[in-house]
Amino acid sequence: MAELQYPYYRLQADGPDETGFTLLGHVEDGAAGPLTGQTAERTLQDLADRLRGDSGDVTVSLTRYDITTTYDL
């Protein structure tokens, strides 16, 4: 698998009997910014809520991977 651009996200939904999904992806805003009233995190949270559903037997985790650089002077 090719390396993903940072930041990237891992959305994992686990259901009963080892069912589920793992989604890895990079979300990038359009040239003029994101859709009105949306952010990458909000969009992913909406997807997580959809995967979680109403049954109560699905657990969902959303993880953001990023790089932070610090300089010692």
PDB file of N, CA and C in Angstrom:
ATOM      1  N   MET A   1       0.841  -1.175   0.000  1.00  0.00           N
ATOM      2  CA  MET A   1       0.000   0.000   0.000  1.00  0.00           C
ATOM      3  C   MET A   1       0.886   1.237   0.000  1.00  0.00           C
ATOM      4  N   ALA A   2       0.549   2.194  -0.820  1.00  0.00           N
ATOM      5  CA  ALA A   2       1.312   3.435  -0.879  1.00  0.00           C
ATOM      6  C   ALA A   2       1.162   4.207   0.435  1.00  0.00           C
ATOM      7  N   GLU A   3       2.173   4.982   0.770  1.00  0.00           N
ATOM      8  CA  GLU A   3       2.123   5.787   1.985  1.00  0.00           C
ATOM      9  C   GLU A   3       1.083   6.891   1.830  1.00  0.00           C
ATOM     10  N   LEU A   4       0.305   7.099   2.872  1.00  0.00           N
ATOM     11  CA  LEU A   4      -0.726   8.130   2.851  1.00  0.00           C
ATOM     12  C   LEU A   4      -0.135   9.479   3.233  1.00  0.00           C
ATOM     13  N   GLN A   5      -0.719  10.548   2.673  1.00  0.00           N
ATOM     14  CA  GLN A   5      -0.324  11.899   3.066  1.00  0.00           C
ATOM     15  C   GLN A   5      -0.828  12.165   4.479  1.00  0.00           C
ATOM     16  N   TYR A   6      -0.094  12.998   5.206  1.00  0.00           N
ATOM     17  CA  TYR A   6      -0.515  13.397   6.550  1.00  0.00           C
ATOM     18  C   TYR A   6      -1.333  14.667   6.465  1.00  0.00           C
ATOM     19  N   PRO A   7      -2.294  14.897   7.311  1.00  0.00           N
ATOM     20  CA  PRO A   7      -2.801  13.920   8.257  1.00  0.00           C
ATOM     21  C   PRO A   7      -3.664  12.891   7.538  1.00  0.00           C
ATOM     22  N   TYR A   8      -3.687  11.690   8.085  1.00  0.00           N
ATOM     23  CA  TYR A   8      -4.612  10.695   7.574  1.00  0.00           C
ATOM     24  C   TYR A   8      -5.371  10.084   8.741  1.00  0.00           C
ATOM     25  N   TYR A   9      -6.432   9.399   8.420  1.00  0.00           N
ATOM     26  CA  TYR A   9      -7.361   8.922   9.433  1.00  0.00           C
ATOM     27  C   TYR A   9      -7.578   7.419   9.298  1.00  0.00           C
ATOM     28  N   ARG A  10      -7.836   6.788  10.439  1.00  0.00           N
ATOM     29  CA  ARG A  10      -8.216   5.375  10.471  1.00  0.00           C
ATOM     30  C   ARG A  10      -9.549   5.309  11.201  1.00  0.00           C
ATOM     31  N   LEU A  11     -10.541   4.813  10.495  1.00  0.00           N
ATOM     32  CA  LEU A  11     -11.868   4.640  11.058  1.00  0.00           C
ATOM     33  C   LEU A  11     -12.140   3.150  11.097  1.00  0.00           C
ATOM     34  N   GLN A  12     -12.314   2.615  12.295  1.00  0.00           N
ATOM     35  CA  GLN A  12     -12.520   1.179  12.450  1.00  0.00           C
ATOM     36  C   GLN A  12     -13.843   0.931  13.148  1.00  0.00           C
ATOM     37  N   ALA A  13     -14.666   0.106  12.513  1.00  0.00           N
ATOM     38  CA  ALA A  13     -15.962  -0.279  13.076  1.00  0.00           C
ATOM     39  C   ALA A  13     -15.950  -1.788  13.256  1.00  0.00           C
ATOM     40  N   ASP A  14     -16.169  -2.243  14.476  1.00  0.00           N
ATOM     41  CA  ASP A  14     -16.165  -3.670  14.783  1.00  0.00           C
ATOM     42  C   ASP A  14     -17.539  -4.088  15.286  1.00  0.00           C
ATOM     43  N   GLY A  15     -18.064  -5.139  14.678  1.00  0.00           N
ATOM     44  CA  GLY A  15     -19.369  -5.654  15.060  1.00  0.00           C
ATOM     45  C   GLY A  15     -19.258  -7.038  15.661  1.00  0.00           C
ATOM     46  N   PRO A  16     -20.386  -7.670  15.852  1.00  0.00           N
ATOM     47  CA  PRO A  16     -20.389  -9.012  16.436  1.00  0.00           C
ATOM     48  C   PRO A  16     -19.807 -10.043  15.466  1.00  0.00           C
ATOM     49  N   ASP A  17     -19.268 -11.122  16.012  1.00  0.00           N
ATOM     50  CA  ASP A  17     -18.755 -12.246  15.212  1.00  0.00           C
ATOM     51  C   ASP A  17     -17.666 -11.832  14.218  1.00  0.00           C
ATOM     52  N   GLU A  18     -16.789 -10.916  14.651  1.00  0.00           N
ATOM     53  CA  GLU A  18     -15.629 -10.476  13.857  1.00  0.00           C
ATOM     54  C   GLU A  18     -16.011  -9.779  12.559  1.00  0.00           C
ATOM     55  N   THR A  19     -17.192  -9.182  12.506  1.00  0.00           N
ATOM     56  CA  THR A  19     -17.572  -8.389  11.337  1.00  0.00           C
ATOM     57  C   THR A  19     -17.054  -6.973  11.518  1.00  0.00           C
ATOM     58  N   GLY A  20     -16.959  -6.219  10.426  1.00  0.00           N
ATOM     59  CA  GLY A  20     -16.565  -4.824  10.560  1.00  0.00           C
ATOM     60  C   GLY A  20     -15.893  -4.258   9.340  1.00  0.00           C
ATOM     61  N   PHE A  21     -15.396  -3.043   9.504  1.00  0.00           N
ATOM     62  CA  PHE A  21     -14.692  -2.301   8.464  1.00  0.00           C
ATOM     63  C   PHE A  21     -13.479  -1.619   9.069  1.00  0.00           C
ATOM     64  N   THR A  22     -12.434  -1.442   8.268  1.00  0.00           N
ATOM     65  CA  THR A  22     -11.346  -0.542   8.595  1.00  0.00           C
ATOM     66  C   THR A  22     -11.134   0.333   7.370  1.00  0.00           C
ATOM     67  N   LEU A  23     -11.282   1.638   7.563  1.00  0.00           N
ATOM     68  CA  LEU A  23     -11.114   2.601   6.480  1.00  0.00           C
ATOM     69  C   LEU A  23      -9.902   3.470   6.786  1.00  0.00           C
ATOM     70  N   LEU A  24      -8.966   3.568   5.849  1.00  0.00           N
ATOM     71  CA  LEU A  24      -7.822   4.464   5.964  1.00  0.00           C
ATOM     72  C   LEU A  24      -7.950   5.501   4.863  1.00  0.00           C
ATOM     73  N   GLY A  25      -7.724   6.777   5.196  1.00  0.00           N
ATOM     74  CA  GLY A  25      -7.846   7.779   4.151  1.00  0.00           C
ATOM     75  C   GLY A  25      -7.336   9.139   4.541  1.00  0.00           C
ATOM     76  N   HIS A  26      -7.106   9.912   3.515  1.00  0.00           N
ATOM     77  CA  HIS A  26      -6.670  11.302   3.640  1.00  0.00           C
ATOM     78  C   HIS A  26      -7.825  12.166   3.158  1.00  0.00           C
ATOM     79  N   VAL A  27      -8.196  13.158   3.941  1.00  0.00           N
ATOM     80  CA  VAL A  27      -9.267  14.075   3.570  1.00  0.00           C
ATOM     81  C   VAL A  27      -8.642  15.433   3.312  1.00  0.00           C
ATOM     82  N   GLU A  28      -8.905  15.988   2.142  1.00  0.00           N
ATOM     83  CA  GLU A  28      -8.312  17.271   1.765  1.00  0.00           C
ATOM     84  C   GLU A  28      -9.418  18.247   1.388  1.00  0.00           C
ATOM     85  N   ASP A  29      -9.343  19.458   1.932  1.00  0.00           N
ATOM     86  CA  ASP A  29     -10.322  20.489   1.602  1.00  0.00           C
ATOM     87  C   ASP A  29     -10.151  20.936   0.161  1.00  0.00           C
ATOM     88  N   GLY A  30     -11.233  21.436  -0.422  1.00  0.00           N
ATOM     89  CA  GLY A  30     -11.173  21.986  -1.768  1.00  0.00           C
ATOM     90  C   GLY A  30     -10.346  23.265  -1.804  1.00  0.00           C
ATOM     91  N   ALA A  31     -10.093  23.796  -2.985  1.00  0.00           N
ATOM     92  CA  ALA A  31      -9.241  24.978  -3.155  1.00  0.00           C
ATOM     93  C   ALA A  31      -9.769  26.181  -2.378  1.00  0.00           C
ATOM     94  N   ALA A  32     -11.078  26.289  -2.241  1.00  0.00           N
ATOM     95  CA  ALA A  32     -11.666  27.428  -1.526  1.00  0.00           C
ATOM     96  C   ALA A  32     -12.079  27.051  -0.108  1.00  0.00           C
ATOM     97  N   GLY A  33     -11.634  25.897   0.362  1.00  0.00           N
ATOM     98  CA  GLY A  33     -11.967  25.467   1.715  1.00  0.00           C
ATOM     99  C   GLY A  33     -12.966  24.333   1.701  1.00  0.00           C
ATOM    100  N   PRO A  34     -13.367  23.870   2.885  1.00  0.00           N
ATOM    101  CA  PRO A  34     -14.309  22.746   2.976  1.00  0.00           C
ATOM    102  C   PRO A  34     -15.720  23.193   2.614  1.00  0.00           C
ATOM    103  N   LEU A  35     -16.623  22.241   2.535  1.00  0.00           N
ATOM    104  CA  LEU A  35     -18.032  22.557   2.337  1.00  0.00           C
ATOM    105  C   LEU A  35     -18.525  23.395   3.503  1.00  0.00           C
ATOM    106  N   THR A  36     -19.481  24.245   3.248  1.00  0.00           N
ATOM    107  CA  THR A  36     -20.028  25.119   4.278  1.00  0.00           C
ATOM    108  C   THR A  36     -20.537  24.294   5.451  1.00  0.00           C
ATOM    109  N   GLY A  37     -20.068  24.649   6.643  1.00  0.00           N
ATOM    110  CA  GLY A  37     -20.511  23.973   7.852  1.00  0.00           C
ATOM    111  C   GLY A  37     -19.873  22.621   8.090  1.00  0.00           C
ATOM    112  N   GLN A  38     -18.866  22.244   7.300  1.00  0.00           N
ATOM    113  CA  GLN A  38     -18.224  20.936   7.455  1.00  0.00           C
ATOM    114  C   GLN A  38     -16.724  21.102   7.669  1.00  0.00           C
ATOM    115  N   THR A  39     -16.143  20.134   8.333  1.00  0.00           N
ATOM    116  CA  THR A  39     -14.699  19.988   8.441  1.00  0.00           C
ATOM    117  C   THR A  39     -14.402  18.522   8.176  1.00  0.00           C
ATOM    118  N   ALA A  40     -13.150  18.190   7.966  1.00  0.00           N
ATOM    119  CA  ALA A  40     -12.783  16.787   7.765  1.00  0.00           C
ATOM    120  C   ALA A  40     -13.198  15.959   8.975  1.00  0.00           C
ATOM    121  N   GLU A  41     -12.915  16.469  10.172  1.00  0.00           N
ATOM    122  CA  GLU A  41     -13.237  15.731  11.387  1.00  0.00           C
ATOM    123  C   GLU A  41     -14.749  15.540  11.543  1.00  0.00           C
ATOM    124  N   ARG A  42     -15.514  16.568  11.238  1.00  0.00           N
ATOM    125  CA  ARG A  42     -16.981  16.478  11.349  1.00  0.00           C
ATOM    126  C   ARG A  42     -17.531  15.450  10.360  1.00  0.00           C
ATOM    127  N   THR A  43     -17.008  15.456   9.137  1.00  0.00           N
ATOM    128  CA  THR A  43     -17.443  14.511   8.114  1.00  0.00           C
ATOM    129  C   THR A  43     -17.137  13.082   8.543  1.00  0.00           C
ATOM    130  N   LEU A  44     -15.943  12.849   9.076  1.00  0.00           N
ATOM    131  CA  LEU A  44     -15.566  11.516   9.535  1.00  0.00           C
ATOM    132  C   LEU A  44     -16.380  11.095  10.753  1.00  0.00           C
ATOM    133  N   GLN A  45     -16.682  12.038  11.639  1.00  0.00           N
ATOM    134  CA  GLN A  45     -17.501  11.718  12.804  1.00  0.00           C
ATOM    135  C   GLN A  45     -18.910  11.328  12.373  1.00  0.00           C
ATOM    136  N   ASP A  46     -19.450  12.009  11.362  1.00  0.00           N
ATOM    137  CA  ASP A  46     -20.768  11.644  10.832  1.00  0.00           C
ATOM    138  C   ASP A  46     -20.751  10.223  10.269  1.00  0.00           C
ATOM    139  N   LEU A  47     -19.684   9.869   9.567  1.00  0.00           N
ATOM    140  CA  LEU A  47     -19.551   8.523   9.028  1.00  0.00           C
ATOM    141  C   LEU A  47     -19.442   7.496  10.164  1.00  0.00           C
ATOM    142  N   ALA A  48     -18.671   7.836  11.201  1.00  0.00           N
ATOM    143  CA  ALA A  48     -18.546   6.945  12.357  1.00  0.00           C
ATOM    144  C   ALA A  48     -19.905   6.728  13.012  1.00  0.00           C
ATOM    145  N   ASP A  49     -20.686   7.786  13.149  1.00  0.00           N
ATOM    146  CA  ASP A  49     -22.022   7.667  13.748  1.00  0.00           C
ATOM    147  C   ASP A  49     -22.912   6.773  12.891  1.00  0.00           C
ATOM    148  N   ARG A  50     -22.805   6.887  11.576  1.00  0.00           N
ATOM    149  CA  ARG A  50     -23.604   6.052  10.672  1.00  0.00           C
ATOM    150  C   ARG A  50     -23.213   4.576  10.825  1.00  0.00           C
ATOM    151  N   LEU A  51     -21.906   4.309  10.911  1.00  0.00           N
ATOM    152  CA  LEU A  51     -21.450   2.928  11.084  1.00  0.00           C
ATOM    153  C   LEU A  51     -21.860   2.361  12.443  1.00  0.00           C
ATOM    154  N   ARG A  52     -21.850   3.199  13.459  1.00  0.00           N
ATOM    155  CA  ARG A  52     -22.207   2.763  14.813  1.00  0.00           C
ATOM    156  C   ARG A  52     -23.667   2.306  14.850  1.00  0.00           C
ATOM    157  N   GLY A  53     -24.534   3.028  14.157  1.00  0.00           N
ATOM    158  CA  GLY A  53     -25.936   2.645  14.074  1.00  0.00           C
ATOM    159  C   GLY A  53     -26.656   2.714  15.405  1.00  0.00           C
ATOM    160  N   ASP A  54     -27.838   2.139  15.439  1.00  0.00           N
ATOM    161  CA  ASP A  54     -28.678   2.182  16.634  1.00  0.00           C
ATOM    162  C   ASP A  54     -28.696   0.869  17.411  1.00  0.00           C
ATOM    163  N   SER A  55     -28.063  -0.167  16.871  1.00  0.00           N
ATOM    164  CA  SER A  55     -28.173  -1.489  17.493  1.00  0.00           C
ATOM    165  C   SER A  55     -27.389  -1.613  18.797  1.00  0.00           C
ATOM    166  N   GLY A  56     -26.327  -0.820  18.949  1.00  0.00           N
ATOM    167  CA  GLY A  56     -25.522  -0.884  20.160  1.00  0.00           C
ATOM    168  C   GLY A  56     -24.472  -1.984  20.163  1.00  0.00           C
ATOM    169  N   ASP A  57     -24.400  -2.786  19.094  1.00  0.00           N
ATOM    170  CA  ASP A  57     -23.418  -3.872  19.075  1.00  0.00           C
ATOM    171  C   ASP A  57     -22.206  -3.570  18.193  1.00  0.00           C
ATOM    172  N   VAL A  58     -22.077  -2.316  17.728  1.00  0.00           N
ATOM    173  CA  VAL A  58     -20.931  -1.917  16.905  1.00  0.00           C
ATOM    174  C   VAL A  58     -20.121  -0.883  17.673  1.00  0.00           C
ATOM    175  N   THR A  59     -18.803  -1.118  17.769  1.00  0.00           N
ATOM    176  CA  THR A  59     -17.904  -0.131  18.364  1.00  0.00           C
ATOM    177  C   THR A  59     -17.096   0.512  17.255  1.00  0.00           C
ATOM    178  N   VAL A  60     -16.899   1.813  17.357  1.00  0.00           N
ATOM    179  CA  VAL A  60     -16.211   2.570  16.311  1.00  0.00           C
ATOM    180  C   VAL A  60     -15.106   3.391  16.954  1.00  0.00           C
ATOM    181  N   SER A  61     -13.931   3.380  16.319  1.00  0.00           N
ATOM    182  CA  SER A  61     -12.841   4.246  16.758  1.00  0.00           C
ATOM    183  C   SER A  61     -12.359   5.060  15.566  1.00  0.00           C
ATOM    184  N   LEU A  62     -12.056   6.314  15.820  1.00  0.00           N
ATOM    185  CA  LEU A  62     -11.539   7.221  14.805  1.00  0.00           C
ATOM    186  C   LEU A  62     -10.214   7.764  15.306  1.00  0.00           C
ATOM    187  N   THR A  63      -9.151   7.540  14.538  1.00  0.00           N
ATOM    188  CA  THR A  63      -7.810   7.959  14.928  1.00  0.00           C
ATOM    189  C   THR A  63      -7.217   8.844  13.843  1.00  0.00           C
ATOM    190  N   ARG A  64      -6.600   9.942  14.253  1.00  0.00           N
ATOM    191  CA  ARG A  64      -5.923  10.851  13.323  1.00  0.00           C
ATOM    192  C   ARG A  64      -4.427  10.667  13.497  1.00  0.00           C
ATOM    193  N   TYR A  65      -3.717  10.496  12.382  1.00  0.00           N
ATOM    194  CA  TYR A  65      -2.265  10.370  12.380  1.00  0.00           C
ATOM    195  C   TYR A  65      -1.680  11.629  11.751  1.00  0.00           C
ATOM    196  N   ASP A  66      -0.730  12.242  12.452  1.00  0.00           N
ATOM    197  CA  ASP A  66      -0.137  13.489  11.971  1.00  0.00           C
ATOM    198  C   ASP A  66       1.331  13.518  12.370  1.00  0.00           C
ATOM    199  N   ILE A  67       2.060  14.428  11.783  1.00  0.00           N
ATOM    200  CA  ILE A  67       3.472  14.620  12.117  1.00  0.00           C
ATOM    201  C   ILE A  67       3.628  15.984  12.769  1.00  0.00           C
ATOM    202  N   THR A  68       4.359  16.019  13.869  1.00  0.00           N
ATOM    203  CA  THR A  68       4.667  17.274  14.536  1.00  0.00           C
ATOM    204  C   THR A  68       6.183  17.428  14.567  1.00  0.00           C
ATOM    205  N   THR A  69       6.635  18.593  14.181  1.00  0.00           N
ATOM    206  CA  THR A  69       8.069  18.865  14.168  1.00  0.00           C
ATOM    207  C   THR A  69       8.376  19.890  15.253  1.00  0.00           C
ATOM    208  N   THR A  70       9.403  19.617  16.039  1.00  0.00           N
ATOM    209  CA  THR A  70       9.858  20.575  17.037  1.00  0.00           C
ATOM    210  C   THR A  70      11.329  20.865  16.797  1.00  0.00           C
ATOM    211  N   TYR A  71      11.731  22.055  17.166  1.00  0.00           N
ATOM    212  CA  TYR A  71      13.119  22.471  16.983  1.00  0.00           C
ATOM    213  C   TYR A  71      13.711  22.861  18.327  1.00  0.00           C
ATOM    214  N   ASP A  72      14.886  22.347  18.629  1.00  0.00           N
ATOM    215  CA  ASP A  72      15.615  22.757  19.810  1.00  0.00           C
ATOM    216  C   ASP A  72      16.623  23.818  19.391  1.00  0.00           C
ATOM    217  N   LEU A  73      16.517  24.976  19.971  1.00  0.00           N
ATOM    218  CA  LEU A  73      17.446  26.075  19.625  1.00  0.00           C
ATOM    219  C   LEU A  73      18.409  26.322  20.742  1.00  0.00           C
TER     220      LEU A  73
END
